[in-house]
Amino acid sequence: MLVKKLIARFINDKVLQNAEHCYIATAAISEDGFDLLMGRLSKKCHVDIVTGLDLPTDPNVLWRILREYSDRVTLRIYTRNFFHPGVYVFDMPYRKRLAFIGSSHFTLSGFKDNEELSYQVDTEKTVEEIKSWYTGYVEDSLDLTEKIVQEYELIFPLIKERENTSREEKKKFIELIVGTFDFPNP
């Protein structure tokens, strides 16, 4: 099933409310996305995350995982290549499992604001294949440590600045081509 806004499935279908375990592979994590997910998951739900640090993940989220959520959240850092998945797998009651695969990062924008596309999977065999894929990345990743966060904090402002510059350049380019070719605005 195609899903345009993950937040709708996560909340309306009570996925977050009923999840017993959650596995996430994502390119980036924002504080608002983290707060949304953690605020709606059961306190008994454990969350395993694999992320890269290629796209900006706020160091505050990493510190919070270490300091406030170490009993519920395990985070690993994939470093071998540019890491860009958007995968969410949920173990639900009564041995039911479902997964969402798509372009949505672990951010509020990715869940509800951006133009994203995900696909919901609920067949046992396919969800198991996705979890097996996920496990491969877990095994090739590093545990999040205070040392990693401290070092990442030093370069995060530069990563964020480059991202903001890139967005501004793209915005100017879009304004130029829309003006040049006189595309109709919706």
N, C-alpha and C. Protein backbone atom coordinates (compact mmCIF):
# COMPACT_ATOMS: atom_id res chain seq x y z
N MET A 1 0.84 -1.18 0.00
CA MET A 1 0.00 0.00 0.00
C MET A 1 0.89 1.24 0.00
N LEU A 2 0.63 2.18 -0.89
CA LEU A 2 1.36 3.44 -0.94
C LEU A 2 0.91 4.35 0.20
N VAL A 3 1.89 5.05 0.79
CA VAL A 3 1.61 5.95 1.90
C VAL A 3 2.32 7.27 1.61
N LYS A 4 1.54 8.36 1.53
CA LYS A 4 2.14 9.67 1.28
C LYS A 4 2.63 10.34 2.56
N LYS A 5 1.88 10.20 3.62
CA LYS A 5 2.24 10.83 4.89
C LYS A 5 2.32 9.75 5.97
N LEU A 6 3.53 9.44 6.40
CA LEU A 6 3.69 8.39 7.42
C LEU A 6 2.97 8.72 8.71
N ILE A 7 2.92 9.98 9.06
CA ILE A 7 2.28 10.36 10.32
C ILE A 7 0.84 9.88 10.38
N ALA A 8 0.15 9.89 9.26
CA ALA A 8 -1.24 9.44 9.23
C ALA A 8 -1.33 7.97 9.61
N ARG A 9 -0.49 7.14 9.01
CA ARG A 9 -0.50 5.70 9.35
C ARG A 9 -0.04 5.47 10.78
N PHE A 10 1.02 6.16 11.16
CA PHE A 10 1.57 5.98 12.50
C PHE A 10 0.55 6.29 13.59
N ILE A 11 -0.24 7.36 13.38
CA ILE A 11 -1.18 7.78 14.42
C ILE A 11 -2.57 7.19 14.21
N ASN A 12 -3.14 7.36 13.02
CA ASN A 12 -4.51 6.91 12.78
C ASN A 12 -4.67 5.40 12.93
N ASP A 13 -3.65 4.64 12.51
CA ASP A 13 -3.72 3.19 12.62
C ASP A 13 -3.17 2.69 13.97
N LYS A 14 -2.83 3.63 14.84
CA LYS A 14 -2.33 3.34 16.18
C LYS A 14 -1.07 2.46 16.17
N VAL A 15 -0.26 2.64 15.13
CA VAL A 15 0.98 1.88 15.03
C VAL A 15 1.90 2.24 16.19
N LEU A 16 2.12 3.53 16.42
CA LEU A 16 3.02 3.95 17.48
C LEU A 16 2.47 3.57 18.85
N GLN A 17 1.20 3.75 19.04
CA GLN A 17 0.57 3.47 20.33
C GLN A 17 0.69 1.99 20.71
N ASN A 18 0.63 1.09 19.72
CA ASN A 18 0.60 -0.34 20.00
C ASN A 18 1.93 -1.06 19.76
N ALA A 19 2.90 -0.39 19.17
CA ALA A 19 4.17 -1.05 18.84
C ALA A 19 4.86 -1.57 20.09
N GLU A 20 5.44 -2.75 19.95
CA GLU A 20 6.19 -3.35 21.04
C GLU A 20 7.70 -3.20 20.85
N HIS A 21 8.11 -3.11 19.59
CA HIS A 21 9.52 -2.91 19.25
C HIS A 21 9.55 -2.20 17.91
N CYS A 22 10.51 -1.32 17.75
CA CYS A 22 10.61 -0.53 16.53
C CYS A 22 12.05 -0.56 16.04
N TYR A 23 12.22 -0.76 14.73
CA TYR A 23 13.54 -0.79 14.10
C TYR A 23 13.54 0.29 13.02
N ILE A 24 14.50 1.20 13.10
CA ILE A 24 14.53 2.33 12.17
C ILE A 24 15.90 2.41 11.51
N ALA A 25 15.90 2.55 10.18
CA ALA A 25 17.12 2.85 9.43
C ALA A 25 16.84 4.16 8.71
N THR A 26 17.64 5.18 8.99
CA THR A 26 17.36 6.51 8.47
C THR A 26 18.64 7.29 8.22
N ALA A 27 18.55 8.24 7.30
CA ALA A 27 19.70 9.08 6.99
C ALA A 27 19.86 10.23 7.97
N ALA A 28 18.77 10.62 8.63
CA ALA A 28 18.83 11.78 9.52
C ALA A 28 17.74 11.69 10.58
N ILE A 29 18.02 12.31 11.73
CA ILE A 29 17.05 12.36 12.83
C ILE A 29 16.97 13.80 13.29
N SER A 30 15.74 14.30 13.39
CA SER A 30 15.55 15.65 13.94
C SER A 30 14.95 15.54 15.34
N GLU A 31 15.11 16.60 16.10
CA GLU A 31 14.54 16.59 17.45
C GLU A 31 13.02 16.49 17.41
N ASP A 32 12.38 17.22 16.48
CA ASP A 32 10.92 17.17 16.45
C ASP A 32 10.41 15.80 16.00
N GLY A 33 11.10 15.15 15.09
CA GLY A 33 10.72 13.80 14.68
C GLY A 33 10.92 12.80 15.81
N PHE A 34 12.04 12.93 16.50
CA PHE A 34 12.33 12.06 17.63
C PHE A 34 11.29 12.25 18.73
N ASP A 35 10.96 13.51 19.04
CA ASP A 35 9.97 13.79 20.08
C ASP A 35 8.60 13.24 19.71
N LEU A 36 8.22 13.38 18.45
CA LEU A 36 6.93 12.85 18.00
C LEU A 36 6.86 11.35 18.22
N LEU A 37 7.87 10.66 17.74
CA LEU A 37 7.87 9.21 17.85
C LEU A 37 7.92 8.76 19.31
N MET A 38 8.86 9.27 20.06
CA MET A 38 9.02 8.83 21.45
C MET A 38 7.84 9.23 22.32
N GLY A 39 7.20 10.35 21.99
CA GLY A 39 6.04 10.81 22.75
C GLY A 39 4.80 9.97 22.52
N ARG A 40 4.76 9.23 21.42
CA ARG A 40 3.58 8.43 21.10
C ARG A 40 3.79 6.93 21.28
N LEU A 41 5.05 6.51 21.36
CA LEU A 41 5.31 5.09 21.59
C LEU A 41 5.04 4.74 23.05
N SER A 42 4.63 3.52 23.28
CA SER A 42 4.48 3.02 24.64
C SER A 42 5.83 3.08 25.35
N LYS A 43 5.82 3.31 26.63
CA LYS A 43 7.06 3.35 27.42
C LYS A 43 7.74 1.98 27.42
N LYS A 44 7.02 0.94 27.09
CA LYS A 44 7.58 -0.41 27.04
C LYS A 44 8.22 -0.73 25.70
N CYS A 45 7.98 0.10 24.71
CA CYS A 45 8.49 -0.15 23.36
C CYS A 45 9.98 0.19 23.29
N HIS A 46 10.78 -0.76 22.83
CA HIS A 46 12.20 -0.51 22.61
C HIS A 46 12.40 -0.08 21.16
N VAL A 47 13.33 0.84 20.94
CA VAL A 47 13.61 1.39 19.61
C VAL A 47 15.07 1.14 19.27
N ASP A 48 15.29 0.46 18.14
CA ASP A 48 16.64 0.27 17.61
C ASP A 48 16.77 1.11 16.36
N ILE A 49 17.84 1.91 16.30
CA ILE A 49 18.04 2.83 15.18
C ILE A 49 19.43 2.63 14.59
N VAL A 50 19.50 2.65 13.27
CA VAL A 50 20.77 2.76 12.55
C VAL A 50 20.67 4.02 11.71
N THR A 51 21.67 4.88 11.83
CA THR A 51 21.70 6.10 11.04
C THR A 51 23.12 6.37 10.59
N GLY A 52 23.24 7.15 9.55
CA GLY A 52 24.54 7.68 9.16
C GLY A 52 24.62 9.10 9.70
N LEU A 53 25.74 9.71 9.55
CA LEU A 53 25.86 11.12 9.94
C LEU A 53 26.20 11.97 8.73
N ASP A 54 25.78 11.48 7.55
CA ASP A 54 26.04 12.20 6.31
C ASP A 54 25.13 13.42 6.17
N LEU A 55 23.90 13.28 6.59
CA LEU A 55 22.95 14.39 6.62
C LEU A 55 22.85 14.86 8.07
N PRO A 56 22.51 16.12 8.27
CA PRO A 56 22.55 16.65 9.64
C PRO A 56 21.54 16.02 10.59
N THR A 57 22.06 15.37 11.60
CA THR A 57 21.29 14.93 12.75
C THR A 57 21.76 15.78 13.91
N ASP A 58 20.85 16.47 14.56
CA ASP A 58 21.24 17.38 15.63
C ASP A 58 21.91 16.60 16.76
N PRO A 59 23.09 17.04 17.19
CA PRO A 59 23.77 16.36 18.30
C PRO A 59 22.92 16.29 19.57
N ASN A 60 21.99 17.25 19.75
CA ASN A 60 21.12 17.20 20.93
C ASN A 60 20.31 15.91 20.98
N VAL A 61 19.89 15.42 19.81
CA VAL A 61 19.14 14.16 19.77
C VAL A 61 20.06 13.02 20.22
N LEU A 62 21.28 13.04 19.76
CA LEU A 62 22.22 11.98 20.13
C LEU A 62 22.50 12.00 21.62
N TRP A 63 22.69 13.20 22.17
CA TRP A 63 22.90 13.30 23.63
C TRP A 63 21.68 12.80 24.39
N ARG A 64 20.51 13.16 23.92
CA ARG A 64 19.28 12.73 24.62
C ARG A 64 19.14 11.21 24.59
N ILE A 65 19.50 10.60 23.47
CA ILE A 65 19.43 9.14 23.40
C ILE A 65 20.37 8.53 24.43
N LEU A 66 21.57 9.06 24.54
CA LEU A 66 22.53 8.54 25.50
C LEU A 66 22.13 8.80 26.95
N ARG A 67 21.61 9.99 27.21
CA ARG A 67 21.38 10.40 28.60
C ARG A 67 19.97 10.14 29.12
N GLU A 68 18.97 10.25 28.25
CA GLU A 68 17.58 10.14 28.70
C GLU A 68 16.89 8.85 28.26
N TYR A 69 17.38 8.26 27.19
CA TYR A 69 16.65 7.12 26.61
C TYR A 69 17.50 5.86 26.49
N SER A 70 18.60 5.79 27.21
CA SER A 70 19.50 4.64 27.04
C SER A 70 18.83 3.32 27.41
N ASP A 71 17.78 3.38 28.21
CA ASP A 71 17.08 2.14 28.57
C ASP A 71 16.07 1.71 27.50
N ARG A 72 15.73 2.60 26.57
CA ARG A 72 14.70 2.30 25.56
C ARG A 72 15.18 2.40 24.13
N VAL A 73 16.26 3.14 23.90
CA VAL A 73 16.72 3.40 22.54
C VAL A 73 18.17 2.95 22.38
N THR A 74 18.41 2.17 21.35
CA THR A 74 19.76 1.79 20.95
C THR A 74 20.02 2.42 19.59
N LEU A 75 21.12 3.16 19.49
CA LEU A 75 21.44 3.81 18.23
C LEU A 75 22.83 3.38 17.79
N ARG A 76 22.92 3.05 16.52
CA ARG A 76 24.19 2.68 15.92
C ARG A 76 24.44 3.58 14.72
N ILE A 77 25.73 3.85 14.46
CA ILE A 77 26.14 4.76 13.40
C ILE A 77 26.80 3.94 12.28
N TYR A 78 26.22 4.07 11.09
CA TYR A 78 26.79 3.40 9.92
C TYR A 78 27.79 4.34 9.27
N THR A 79 29.01 3.86 9.04
CA THR A 79 30.08 4.73 8.56
C THR A 79 30.72 4.27 7.25
N ARG A 80 30.31 3.16 6.69
CA ARG A 80 31.01 2.60 5.53
C ARG A 80 30.70 3.29 4.21
N ASN A 81 29.56 3.97 4.13
CA ASN A 81 29.14 4.59 2.88
C ASN A 81 28.06 5.61 3.23
N PHE A 82 27.65 6.39 2.25
CA PHE A 82 26.54 7.32 2.45
C PHE A 82 25.29 6.50 2.77
N PHE A 83 24.67 6.77 3.89
CA PHE A 83 23.55 5.97 4.38
C PHE A 83 22.27 6.78 4.20
N HIS A 84 21.34 6.29 3.38
CA HIS A 84 20.19 7.09 3.00
C HIS A 84 18.85 6.34 3.00
N PRO A 85 18.67 5.32 3.82
CA PRO A 85 17.38 4.62 3.81
C PRO A 85 16.33 5.36 4.63
N GLY A 86 15.10 4.98 4.41
CA GLY A 86 13.96 5.40 5.22
C GLY A 86 13.14 4.15 5.50
N VAL A 87 13.51 3.42 6.54
CA VAL A 87 12.88 2.14 6.85
C VAL A 87 12.39 2.15 8.29
N TYR A 88 11.14 1.75 8.49
CA TYR A 88 10.54 1.68 9.82
C TYR A 88 9.84 0.34 9.93
N VAL A 89 10.28 -0.48 10.88
CA VAL A 89 9.68 -1.80 11.09
C VAL A 89 9.13 -1.83 12.51
N PHE A 90 7.92 -2.35 12.64
CA PHE A 90 7.27 -2.41 13.95
C PHE A 90 6.85 -3.83 14.27
N ASP A 91 7.24 -4.28 15.45
CA ASP A 91 6.68 -5.51 16.00
C ASP A 91 5.44 -5.08 16.78
N MET A 92 4.32 -5.66 16.42
CA MET A 92 3.04 -5.30 17.01
C MET A 92 2.54 -6.45 17.89
N PRO A 93 1.46 -6.23 18.64
CA PRO A 93 0.90 -7.32 19.44
C PRO A 93 0.50 -8.52 18.58
N TYR A 94 0.46 -9.66 19.24
CA TYR A 94 0.02 -10.92 18.62
C TYR A 94 0.93 -11.33 17.46
N ARG A 95 2.23 -11.04 17.60
CA ARG A 95 3.24 -11.43 16.62
C ARG A 95 3.03 -10.83 15.22
N LYS A 96 2.26 -9.79 15.15
CA LYS A 96 2.05 -9.11 13.88
C LYS A 96 3.21 -8.12 13.68
N ARG A 97 3.65 -7.98 12.44
CA ARG A 97 4.71 -7.03 12.13
C ARG A 97 4.35 -6.27 10.86
N LEU A 98 4.81 -5.04 10.78
CA LEU A 98 4.64 -4.28 9.56
C LEU A 98 5.82 -3.37 9.37
N ALA A 99 6.01 -2.96 8.13
CA ALA A 99 7.15 -2.11 7.80
C ALA A 99 6.71 -1.04 6.82
N PHE A 100 7.46 0.05 6.84
CA PHE A 100 7.28 1.13 5.89
C PHE A 100 8.65 1.40 5.28
N ILE A 101 8.71 1.41 3.97
CA ILE A 101 9.96 1.67 3.26
C ILE A 101 9.71 2.84 2.33
N GLY A 102 10.60 3.83 2.37
CA GLY A 102 10.41 4.96 1.49
C GLY A 102 11.45 6.03 1.66
N SER A 103 11.06 7.23 1.33
CA SER A 103 11.99 8.35 1.31
C SER A 103 11.98 9.17 2.60
N SER A 104 11.10 8.87 3.52
CA SER A 104 10.93 9.69 4.73
C SER A 104 12.04 9.46 5.75
N HIS A 105 12.74 10.54 6.07
CA HIS A 105 13.72 10.47 7.16
C HIS A 105 13.00 10.60 8.49
N PHE A 106 13.74 10.36 9.55
CA PHE A 106 13.21 10.38 10.92
C PHE A 106 13.12 11.84 11.38
N THR A 107 12.28 12.61 10.68
CA THR A 107 12.08 14.02 10.97
C THR A 107 10.59 14.33 10.88
N LEU A 108 10.17 15.37 11.54
CA LEU A 108 8.77 15.76 11.45
C LEU A 108 8.42 16.12 10.00
N SER A 109 9.34 16.80 9.33
CA SER A 109 9.11 17.13 7.92
C SER A 109 8.97 15.87 7.08
N GLY A 110 9.81 14.88 7.34
CA GLY A 110 9.74 13.63 6.61
C GLY A 110 8.46 12.86 6.88
N PHE A 111 7.96 12.96 8.10
CA PHE A 111 6.74 12.26 8.48
C PHE A 111 5.48 12.94 7.96
N LYS A 112 5.48 14.31 7.90
CA LYS A 112 4.20 14.94 7.58
C LYS A 112 4.25 16.10 6.59
N ASP A 113 5.36 16.80 6.44
CA ASP A 113 5.36 18.02 5.63
C ASP A 113 5.91 17.85 4.22
N ASN A 114 7.01 17.14 4.08
CA ASN A 114 7.65 16.99 2.77
C ASN A 114 6.80 16.13 1.83
N GLU A 115 7.13 16.23 0.57
CA GLU A 115 6.54 15.34 -0.43
C GLU A 115 7.36 14.06 -0.42
N GLU A 116 6.87 13.07 0.29
CA GLU A 116 7.56 11.80 0.47
C GLU A 116 6.66 10.68 -0.03
N LEU A 117 7.25 9.53 -0.21
CA LEU A 117 6.46 8.36 -0.58
C LEU A 117 7.03 7.15 0.14
N SER A 118 6.16 6.40 0.77
CA SER A 118 6.54 5.16 1.44
C SER A 118 5.61 4.06 0.99
N TYR A 119 6.05 2.86 1.23
CA TYR A 119 5.23 1.70 0.92
C TYR A 119 5.08 0.88 2.19
N GLN A 120 3.83 0.55 2.53
CA GLN A 120 3.57 -0.25 3.72
C GLN A 120 3.60 -1.73 3.35
N VAL A 121 4.35 -2.49 4.14
CA VAL A 121 4.49 -3.92 3.93
C VAL A 121 4.00 -4.62 5.19
N ASP A 122 3.14 -5.64 5.02
CA ASP A 122 2.70 -6.37 6.20
C ASP A 122 2.71 -7.89 6.01
N THR A 123 3.28 -8.35 4.90
CA THR A 123 3.40 -9.79 4.74
C THR A 123 4.61 -10.28 5.54
N GLU A 124 4.44 -11.36 6.25
CA GLU A 124 5.46 -11.87 7.17
C GLU A 124 6.80 -12.08 6.47
N LYS A 125 6.78 -12.69 5.31
CA LYS A 125 8.03 -13.00 4.60
C LYS A 125 8.78 -11.72 4.22
N THR A 126 8.06 -10.74 3.72
CA THR A 126 8.71 -9.50 3.28
C THR A 126 9.22 -8.70 4.47
N VAL A 127 8.45 -8.64 5.54
CA VAL A 127 8.93 -7.92 6.73
C VAL A 127 10.18 -8.62 7.28
N GLU A 128 10.20 -9.92 7.25
CA GLU A 128 11.39 -10.67 7.71
C GLU A 128 12.60 -10.36 6.83
N GLU A 129 12.40 -10.24 5.53
CA GLU A 129 13.50 -9.86 4.63
C GLU A 129 14.02 -8.46 4.97
N ILE A 130 13.12 -7.56 5.27
CA ILE A 130 13.51 -6.19 5.62
C ILE A 130 14.29 -6.20 6.93
N LYS A 131 13.82 -6.97 7.92
CA LYS A 131 14.54 -7.04 9.20
C LYS A 131 15.93 -7.67 9.01
N SER A 132 16.03 -8.62 8.12
CA SER A 132 17.33 -9.25 7.84
C SER A 132 18.27 -8.22 7.20
N TRP A 133 17.75 -7.43 6.26
CA TRP A 133 18.52 -6.35 5.65
C TRP A 133 18.99 -5.38 6.74
N TYR A 134 18.08 -5.01 7.62
CA TYR A 134 18.37 -4.09 8.72
C TYR A 134 19.49 -4.64 9.61
N THR A 135 19.39 -5.90 9.97
CA THR A 135 20.38 -6.53 10.85
C THR A 135 21.78 -6.48 10.24
N GLY A 136 21.88 -6.60 8.94
CA GLY A 136 23.17 -6.48 8.28
C GLY A 136 23.82 -5.12 8.53
N TYR A 137 23.03 -4.08 8.51
CA TYR A 137 23.55 -2.74 8.77
C TYR A 137 23.87 -2.54 10.25
N VAL A 138 23.09 -3.13 11.11
CA VAL A 138 23.39 -3.05 12.55
C VAL A 138 24.76 -3.66 12.81
N GLU A 139 25.01 -4.81 12.21
CA GLU A 139 26.28 -5.50 12.43
C GLU A 139 27.46 -4.73 11.88
N ASP A 140 27.25 -3.89 10.87
CA ASP A 140 28.33 -3.11 10.27
C ASP A 140 28.40 -1.68 10.81
N SER A 141 27.78 -1.44 11.95
CA SER A 141 27.71 -0.08 12.50
C SER A 141 28.38 -0.01 13.86
N LEU A 142 28.63 1.22 14.27
CA LEU A 142 29.26 1.48 15.57
C LEU A 142 28.21 1.86 16.60
N ASP A 143 28.41 1.43 17.84
CA ASP A 143 27.55 1.88 18.93
C ASP A 143 27.74 3.38 19.13
N LEU A 144 26.65 4.09 19.39
CA LEU A 144 26.74 5.51 19.73
C LEU A 144 27.45 5.64 21.07
N THR A 145 28.44 6.51 21.12
CA THR A 145 29.18 6.76 22.36
C THR A 145 29.29 8.26 22.59
N GLU A 146 29.63 8.63 23.81
CA GLU A 146 29.84 10.04 24.11
C GLU A 146 30.96 10.61 23.25
N LYS A 147 32.01 9.85 23.03
CA LYS A 147 33.14 10.31 22.21
C LYS A 147 32.69 10.64 20.79
N ILE A 148 31.86 9.77 20.21
CA ILE A 148 31.34 10.04 18.86
C ILE A 148 30.55 11.33 18.84
N VAL A 149 29.67 11.53 19.82
CA VAL A 149 28.85 12.75 19.85
C VAL A 149 29.73 13.98 20.05
N GLN A 150 30.71 13.90 20.91
CA GLN A 150 31.61 15.04 21.14
C GLN A 150 32.33 15.44 19.85
N GLU A 151 32.85 14.47 19.12
CA GLU A 151 33.55 14.76 17.87
C GLU A 151 32.58 15.27 16.81
N TYR A 152 31.39 14.68 16.76
CA TYR A 152 30.39 15.10 15.78
C TYR A 152 29.92 16.53 16.05
N GLU A 153 29.81 16.90 17.31
CA GLU A 153 29.41 18.27 17.66
C GLU A 153 30.36 19.31 17.07
N LEU A 154 31.60 18.95 16.92
CA LEU A 154 32.59 19.89 16.38
C LEU A 154 32.36 20.18 14.90
N ILE A 155 31.89 19.18 14.15
CA ILE A 155 31.69 19.39 12.71
C ILE A 155 30.25 19.70 12.34
N PHE A 156 29.32 19.47 13.27
CA PHE A 156 27.90 19.67 12.96
C PHE A 156 27.59 21.07 12.44
N PRO A 157 28.12 22.14 13.04
CA PRO A 157 27.80 23.48 12.50
C PRO A 157 28.21 23.64 11.03
N LEU A 158 29.31 23.04 10.63
CA LEU A 158 29.75 23.13 9.23
C LEU A 158 28.82 22.33 8.32
N ILE A 159 28.40 21.16 8.77
CA ILE A 159 27.46 20.34 7.98
C ILE A 159 26.15 21.11 7.81
N LYS A 160 25.67 21.69 8.88
CA LYS A 160 24.40 22.43 8.85
C LYS A 160 24.52 23.66 7.94
N GLU A 161 25.64 24.36 8.04
CA GLU A 161 25.86 25.55 7.20
C GLU A 161 25.87 25.18 5.72
N ARG A 162 26.55 24.09 5.37
CA ARG A 162 26.58 23.65 3.97
C ARG A 162 25.19 23.27 3.49
N GLU A 163 24.42 22.62 4.35
CA GLU A 163 23.06 22.26 3.96
C GLU A 163 22.21 23.51 3.72
N ASN A 164 22.31 24.49 4.60
CA ASN A 164 21.54 25.72 4.44
C ASN A 164 21.96 26.48 3.18
N THR A 165 23.27 26.53 2.90
CA THR A 165 23.76 27.18 1.69
C THR A 165 23.21 26.48 0.46
N SER A 166 23.23 25.17 0.48
CA SER A 166 22.72 24.38 -0.64
C SER A 166 21.23 24.65 -0.87
N ARG A 167 20.47 24.73 0.20
CA ARG A 167 19.03 25.01 0.06
C ARG A 167 18.79 26.40 -0.53
N GLU A 168 19.57 27.38 -0.09
CA GLU A 168 19.43 28.75 -0.62
C GLU A 168 19.80 28.80 -2.10
N GLU A 169 20.86 28.11 -2.48
CA GLU A 169 21.26 28.07 -3.88
C GLU A 169 20.16 27.42 -4.73
N LYS A 170 19.59 26.34 -4.23
CA LYS A 170 18.53 25.67 -4.97
C LYS A 170 17.31 26.58 -5.09
N LYS A 171 16.97 27.28 -4.02
CA LYS A 171 15.82 28.18 -4.04
C LYS A 171 16.01 29.27 -5.10
N LYS A 172 17.21 29.84 -5.15
CA LYS A 172 17.50 30.87 -6.16
C LYS A 172 17.42 30.29 -7.56
N PHE A 173 17.93 29.08 -7.74
CA PHE A 173 17.88 28.42 -9.04
C PHE A 173 16.43 28.19 -9.47
N ILE A 174 15.60 27.70 -8.58
CA ILE A 174 14.19 27.46 -8.89
C ILE A 174 13.51 28.77 -9.27
N GLU A 175 13.78 29.84 -8.52
CA GLU A 175 13.20 31.15 -8.85
C GLU A 175 13.64 31.59 -10.24
N LEU A 176 14.90 31.33 -10.57
CA LEU A 176 15.43 31.70 -11.88
C LEU A 176 14.74 30.92 -13.00
N ILE A 177 14.65 29.61 -12.86
CA ILE A 177 14.08 28.83 -13.96
C ILE A 177 12.58 29.04 -14.08
N VAL A 178 11.91 29.24 -12.97
CA VAL A 178 10.46 29.50 -13.04
C VAL A 178 10.24 30.84 -13.74
N GLY A 179 11.06 31.83 -13.42
CA GLY A 179 10.93 33.14 -14.05
C GLY A 179 11.34 33.11 -15.52
N THR A 180 12.39 32.37 -15.85
CA THR A 180 12.92 32.29 -17.20
C THR A 180 11.97 31.58 -18.15
N PHE A 181 11.42 30.48 -17.70
CA PHE A 181 10.58 29.67 -18.57
C PHE A 181 9.10 29.92 -18.36
N ASP A 182 8.78 30.83 -17.46
CA ASP A 182 7.40 31.24 -17.22
C ASP A 182 6.46 30.05 -16.99
N PHE A 183 6.89 29.17 -16.07
CA PHE A 183 6.03 28.04 -15.67
C PHE A 183 4.84 28.58 -14.90
N PRO A 184 3.68 27.99 -15.08
CA PRO A 184 2.53 28.43 -14.28
C PRO A 184 2.70 28.01 -12.83
N ASN A 185 2.39 28.88 -11.93
CA ASN A 185 2.42 28.54 -10.51
C ASN A 185 1.08 27.94 -10.11
N PRO A 186 1.11 26.89 -9.30
CA PRO A 186 -0.16 26.25 -8.89
C PRO A 186 -0.98 27.17 -8.02
